[in-house]
Amino acid sequence: MSKKTNSLIFMLLATILNLVLLIFFFIVGFVILNLVISSMPENVAVVQIGVVLVFVFAIGLSFFVYSRIVSLLTKKFNLEEKLDPLFVRKGSRRPKGE
């Protein structure tokens, strides 16, 4: 397989991993929110703020974990040699021989 194909496969798998992490953190966040809210008297403002916080923290945490996993995999399997950048700036094109 070419470096471009390896890069596309890696990006596809990394995107799927990111979505799985995001869904996982949403579910965990809503379960924790449900446990916290069920022990409190009902208050609409607390529920709304809790839902917003769960969304923000789930997105942030999934991105943080995703970036750590990708950087660890890149170092462990030396992926910089096996992957080719998909998007290259016009001024920074490599010569055809590389």
N, C-alpha and C. Protein backbone atom coordinates (compact mmCIF):
# COMPACT_ATOMS: atom_id res chain seq x y z
N MET A 1 0.84 -1.18 0.00
CA MET A 1 0.00 0.00 0.00
C MET A 1 0.88 1.24 0.00
N SER A 2 0.36 2.28 -0.61
CA SER A 2 1.12 3.53 -0.66
C SER A 2 0.94 4.31 0.64
N LYS A 3 1.78 5.33 0.78
CA LYS A 3 1.70 6.16 1.99
C LYS A 3 0.37 6.90 2.05
N LYS A 4 -0.15 7.32 0.89
CA LYS A 4 -1.45 8.01 0.86
C LYS A 4 -2.56 7.09 1.34
N THR A 5 -2.54 5.84 0.90
CA THR A 5 -3.56 4.87 1.32
C THR A 5 -3.45 4.62 2.81
N ASN A 6 -2.23 4.45 3.30
CA ASN A 6 -2.03 4.28 4.75
C ASN A 6 -2.56 5.47 5.53
N SER A 7 -2.32 6.67 5.01
CA SER A 7 -2.79 7.88 5.68
C SER A 7 -4.31 7.94 5.72
N LEU A 8 -4.95 7.60 4.61
CA LEU A 8 -6.42 7.61 4.56
C LEU A 8 -7.01 6.59 5.53
N ILE A 9 -6.44 5.39 5.57
CA ILE A 9 -6.93 4.36 6.48
C ILE A 9 -6.73 4.80 7.93
N PHE A 10 -5.56 5.37 8.22
CA PHE A 10 -5.28 5.85 9.57
C PHE A 10 -6.27 6.94 9.98
N MET A 11 -6.54 7.89 9.08
CA MET A 11 -7.48 8.97 9.40
C MET A 11 -8.89 8.44 9.61
N LEU A 12 -9.29 7.47 8.81
CA LEU A 12 -10.62 6.88 8.96
C LEU A 12 -10.74 6.18 10.32
N LEU A 13 -9.75 5.37 10.67
CA LEU A 13 -9.78 4.67 11.96
C LEU A 13 -9.68 5.65 13.13
N ALA A 14 -8.87 6.69 12.99
CA ALA A 14 -8.75 7.68 14.05
C ALA A 14 -10.05 8.45 14.25
N THR A 15 -10.76 8.73 13.16
CA THR A 15 -12.05 9.42 13.26
C THR A 15 -13.09 8.54 13.96
N ILE A 16 -13.09 7.26 13.61
CA ILE A 16 -14.00 6.32 14.27
C ILE A 16 -13.68 6.23 15.76
N LEU A 17 -12.39 6.18 16.10
CA LEU A 17 -11.98 6.16 17.50
C LEU A 17 -12.46 7.41 18.22
N ASN A 18 -12.30 8.56 17.58
CA ASN A 18 -12.74 9.81 18.20
C ASN A 18 -14.25 9.81 18.45
N LEU A 19 -15.02 9.32 17.51
CA LEU A 19 -16.48 9.26 17.69
C LEU A 19 -16.87 8.29 18.80
N VAL A 20 -16.19 7.15 18.87
CA VAL A 20 -16.48 6.18 19.94
C VAL A 20 -16.15 6.79 21.30
N LEU A 21 -15.02 7.48 21.39
CA LEU A 21 -14.66 8.13 22.66
C LEU A 21 -15.69 9.19 23.03
N LEU A 22 -16.13 9.96 22.05
CA LEU A 22 -17.11 11.02 22.29
C LEU A 22 -18.42 10.43 22.81
N ILE A 23 -18.90 9.39 22.18
CA ILE A 23 -20.15 8.75 22.62
C ILE A 23 -19.98 8.16 24.01
N PHE A 24 -18.83 7.52 24.26
CA PHE A 24 -18.56 6.94 25.57
C PHE A 24 -18.60 8.02 26.67
N PHE A 25 -17.92 9.14 26.44
CA PHE A 25 -17.89 10.20 27.45
C PHE A 25 -19.24 10.87 27.62
N PHE A 26 -20.04 10.97 26.55
CA PHE A 26 -21.40 11.48 26.68
C PHE A 26 -22.22 10.56 27.59
N ILE A 27 -22.15 9.27 27.34
CA ILE A 27 -22.93 8.32 28.15
C ILE A 27 -22.50 8.37 29.60
N VAL A 28 -21.19 8.33 29.84
CA VAL A 28 -20.69 8.39 31.22
C VAL A 28 -21.11 9.69 31.88
N GLY A 29 -21.00 10.79 31.17
CA GLY A 29 -21.38 12.09 31.72
C GLY A 29 -22.86 12.17 32.06
N PHE A 30 -23.70 11.64 31.19
CA PHE A 30 -25.14 11.68 31.47
C PHE A 30 -25.54 10.72 32.60
N VAL A 31 -24.84 9.61 32.73
CA VAL A 31 -25.10 8.72 33.86
C VAL A 31 -24.73 9.40 35.17
N ILE A 32 -23.56 10.04 35.19
CA ILE A 32 -23.15 10.76 36.40
C ILE A 32 -24.11 11.91 36.68
N LEU A 33 -24.50 12.63 35.65
CA LEU A 33 -25.46 13.73 35.83
C LEU A 33 -26.78 13.21 36.37
N ASN A 34 -27.23 12.09 35.87
CA ASN A 34 -28.48 11.50 36.35
C ASN A 34 -28.37 11.11 37.83
N LEU A 35 -27.24 10.55 38.21
CA LEU A 35 -27.05 10.17 39.62
C LEU A 35 -27.02 11.40 40.52
N VAL A 36 -26.37 12.46 40.07
CA VAL A 36 -26.28 13.68 40.88
C VAL A 36 -27.64 14.36 40.96
N ILE A 37 -28.35 14.44 39.86
CA ILE A 37 -29.64 15.14 39.83
C ILE A 37 -30.71 14.37 40.58
N SER A 38 -30.64 13.04 40.53
CA SER A 38 -31.69 12.26 41.21
C SER A 38 -31.64 12.43 42.72
N SER A 39 -30.49 12.79 43.25
CA SER A 39 -30.38 12.98 44.70
C SER A 39 -30.74 14.40 45.12
N MET A 40 -30.96 15.30 44.16
CA MET A 40 -31.28 16.69 44.47
C MET A 40 -32.76 16.96 44.16
N PRO A 41 -33.32 17.98 44.80
CA PRO A 41 -34.67 18.38 44.40
C PRO A 41 -34.64 18.93 42.97
N GLU A 42 -35.74 18.74 42.25
CA GLU A 42 -35.77 19.14 40.84
C GLU A 42 -35.61 20.64 40.68
N ASN A 43 -34.68 20.99 39.84
CA ASN A 43 -34.44 22.39 39.51
C ASN A 43 -34.03 22.42 38.04
N VAL A 44 -34.82 23.10 37.23
CA VAL A 44 -34.60 23.11 35.79
C VAL A 44 -33.26 23.74 35.43
N ALA A 45 -32.86 24.79 36.13
CA ALA A 45 -31.61 25.47 35.83
C ALA A 45 -30.42 24.55 36.08
N VAL A 46 -30.46 23.78 37.13
CA VAL A 46 -29.36 22.86 37.44
C VAL A 46 -29.25 21.79 36.36
N VAL A 47 -30.38 21.29 35.91
CA VAL A 47 -30.38 20.27 34.85
C VAL A 47 -29.81 20.85 33.56
N GLN A 48 -30.23 22.04 33.19
CA GLN A 48 -29.74 22.66 31.96
C GLN A 48 -28.24 22.93 32.02
N ILE A 49 -27.78 23.47 33.13
CA ILE A 49 -26.34 23.72 33.29
C ILE A 49 -25.58 22.40 33.28
N GLY A 50 -26.12 21.37 33.91
CA GLY A 50 -25.47 20.06 33.92
C GLY A 50 -25.35 19.47 32.53
N VAL A 51 -26.38 19.59 31.73
CA VAL A 51 -26.35 19.06 30.36
C VAL A 51 -25.30 19.80 29.53
N VAL A 52 -25.25 21.12 29.66
CA VAL A 52 -24.25 21.90 28.92
C VAL A 52 -22.85 21.49 29.36
N LEU A 53 -22.63 21.33 30.66
CA LEU A 53 -21.32 20.93 31.16
C LEU A 53 -20.93 19.54 30.68
N VAL A 54 -21.88 18.63 30.63
CA VAL A 54 -21.59 17.28 30.13
C VAL A 54 -21.16 17.35 28.67
N PHE A 55 -21.85 18.14 27.85
CA PHE A 55 -21.47 18.28 26.45
C PHE A 55 -20.06 18.86 26.31
N VAL A 56 -19.78 19.93 27.03
CA VAL A 56 -18.48 20.59 26.92
C VAL A 56 -17.37 19.66 27.39
N PHE A 57 -17.55 19.04 28.56
CA PHE A 57 -16.50 18.16 29.07
C PHE A 57 -16.33 16.90 28.23
N ALA A 58 -17.41 16.37 27.68
CA ALA A 58 -17.30 15.17 26.83
C ALA A 58 -16.52 15.48 25.56
N ILE A 59 -16.79 16.61 24.95
CA ILE A 59 -16.06 16.99 23.74
C ILE A 59 -14.59 17.25 24.06
N GLY A 60 -14.34 18.00 25.11
CA GLY A 60 -12.96 18.31 25.49
C GLY A 60 -12.18 17.07 25.90
N LEU A 61 -12.79 16.21 26.70
CA LEU A 61 -12.12 15.01 27.17
C LEU A 61 -11.88 14.02 26.02
N SER A 62 -12.84 13.90 25.12
CA SER A 62 -12.63 12.99 23.99
C SER A 62 -11.51 13.48 23.09
N PHE A 63 -11.43 14.78 22.86
CA PHE A 63 -10.35 15.33 22.05
C PHE A 63 -9.00 15.12 22.73
N PHE A 64 -8.93 15.34 24.04
CA PHE A 64 -7.69 15.16 24.79
C PHE A 64 -7.22 13.71 24.74
N VAL A 65 -8.12 12.77 25.01
CA VAL A 65 -7.76 11.35 25.01
C VAL A 65 -7.39 10.91 23.59
N TYR A 66 -8.15 11.36 22.60
CA TYR A 66 -7.87 11.04 21.20
C TYR A 66 -6.48 11.50 20.80
N SER A 67 -6.14 12.73 21.12
CA SER A 67 -4.82 13.25 20.73
C SER A 67 -3.70 12.50 21.43
N ARG A 68 -3.91 12.12 22.69
CA ARG A 68 -2.89 11.33 23.41
C ARG A 68 -2.71 9.95 22.76
N ILE A 69 -3.81 9.30 22.44
CA ILE A 69 -3.73 7.96 21.83
C ILE A 69 -3.05 8.03 20.48
N VAL A 70 -3.41 9.01 19.66
CA VAL A 70 -2.82 9.13 18.33
C VAL A 70 -1.32 9.43 18.44
N SER A 71 -0.93 10.30 19.35
CA SER A 71 0.50 10.60 19.48
C SER A 71 1.27 9.39 20.00
N LEU A 72 0.68 8.62 20.93
CA LEU A 72 1.35 7.42 21.42
C LEU A 72 1.50 6.38 20.32
N LEU A 73 0.45 6.18 19.53
CA LEU A 73 0.52 5.23 18.42
C LEU A 73 1.53 5.67 17.36
N THR A 74 1.58 6.97 17.11
CA THR A 74 2.53 7.48 16.13
C THR A 74 3.96 7.22 16.56
N LYS A 75 4.24 7.42 17.85
CA LYS A 75 5.59 7.18 18.36
C LYS A 75 5.90 5.69 18.43
N LYS A 76 4.96 4.90 18.93
CA LYS A 76 5.20 3.47 19.14
C LYS A 76 5.46 2.73 17.83
N PHE A 77 4.66 3.01 16.81
CA PHE A 77 4.78 2.30 15.54
C PHE A 77 5.53 3.10 14.47
N ASN A 78 6.13 4.22 14.86
CA ASN A 78 6.91 5.07 13.95
C ASN A 78 6.11 5.37 12.68
N LEU A 79 4.91 5.91 12.89
CA LEU A 79 4.00 6.13 11.77
C LEU A 79 4.38 7.31 10.88
N GLU A 80 5.26 8.17 11.35
CA GLU A 80 5.65 9.31 10.52
C GLU A 80 6.33 8.85 9.24
N GLU A 81 7.03 7.71 9.31
CA GLU A 81 7.68 7.18 8.11
C GLU A 81 6.68 6.50 7.18
N LYS A 82 5.59 5.97 7.74
CA LYS A 82 4.65 5.16 6.96
C LYS A 82 3.47 5.96 6.44
N LEU A 83 3.29 7.19 6.93
CA LEU A 83 2.16 8.01 6.52
C LEU A 83 2.64 9.21 5.72
N ASP A 84 1.81 9.65 4.82
CA ASP A 84 2.11 10.80 3.98
C ASP A 84 1.10 11.89 4.31
N PRO A 85 1.53 13.15 4.38
CA PRO A 85 0.54 14.20 4.63
C PRO A 85 -0.48 14.26 3.50
N LEU A 86 -1.74 14.36 3.86
CA LEU A 86 -2.79 14.41 2.84
C LEU A 86 -2.94 15.80 2.25
N PHE A 87 -2.74 16.80 3.08
CA PHE A 87 -2.89 18.17 2.63
C PHE A 87 -1.55 18.87 2.78
N VAL A 88 -1.04 19.39 1.67
CA VAL A 88 0.26 20.05 1.66
C VAL A 88 0.07 21.46 1.14
N ARG A 89 0.72 22.41 1.79
CA ARG A 89 0.66 23.79 1.31
C ARG A 89 1.40 23.89 -0.01
N LYS A 90 0.98 24.81 -0.84
CA LYS A 90 1.59 24.93 -2.17
C LYS A 90 3.07 25.27 -2.08
N GLY A 91 3.49 26.07 -1.14
CA GLY A 91 4.88 26.44 -1.02
C GLY A 91 5.75 25.38 -0.41
N SER A 92 5.17 24.37 0.22
CA SER A 92 5.98 23.38 0.91
C SER A 92 5.91 22.01 0.26
N ARG A 93 5.68 21.94 -1.04
CA ARG A 93 5.61 20.65 -1.74
C ARG A 93 6.98 20.02 -1.79
N ARG A 94 6.97 18.71 -1.59
CA ARG A 94 8.22 17.97 -1.68
C ARG A 94 8.48 17.63 -3.14
N PRO A 95 9.74 17.43 -3.47
CA PRO A 95 10.05 17.01 -4.84
C PRO A 95 9.44 15.64 -5.13
N LYS A 96 9.19 15.35 -6.41
CA LYS A 96 8.53 14.10 -6.79
C LYS A 96 9.34 12.87 -6.41
N GLY A 97 10.64 12.97 -6.31
CA GLY A 97 11.47 11.81 -6.03
C GLY A 97 11.34 11.28 -4.61
N GLU A 98 10.79 12.02 -3.71
CA GLU A 98 10.68 11.57 -2.30
C GLU A 98 9.44 10.79 -2.05
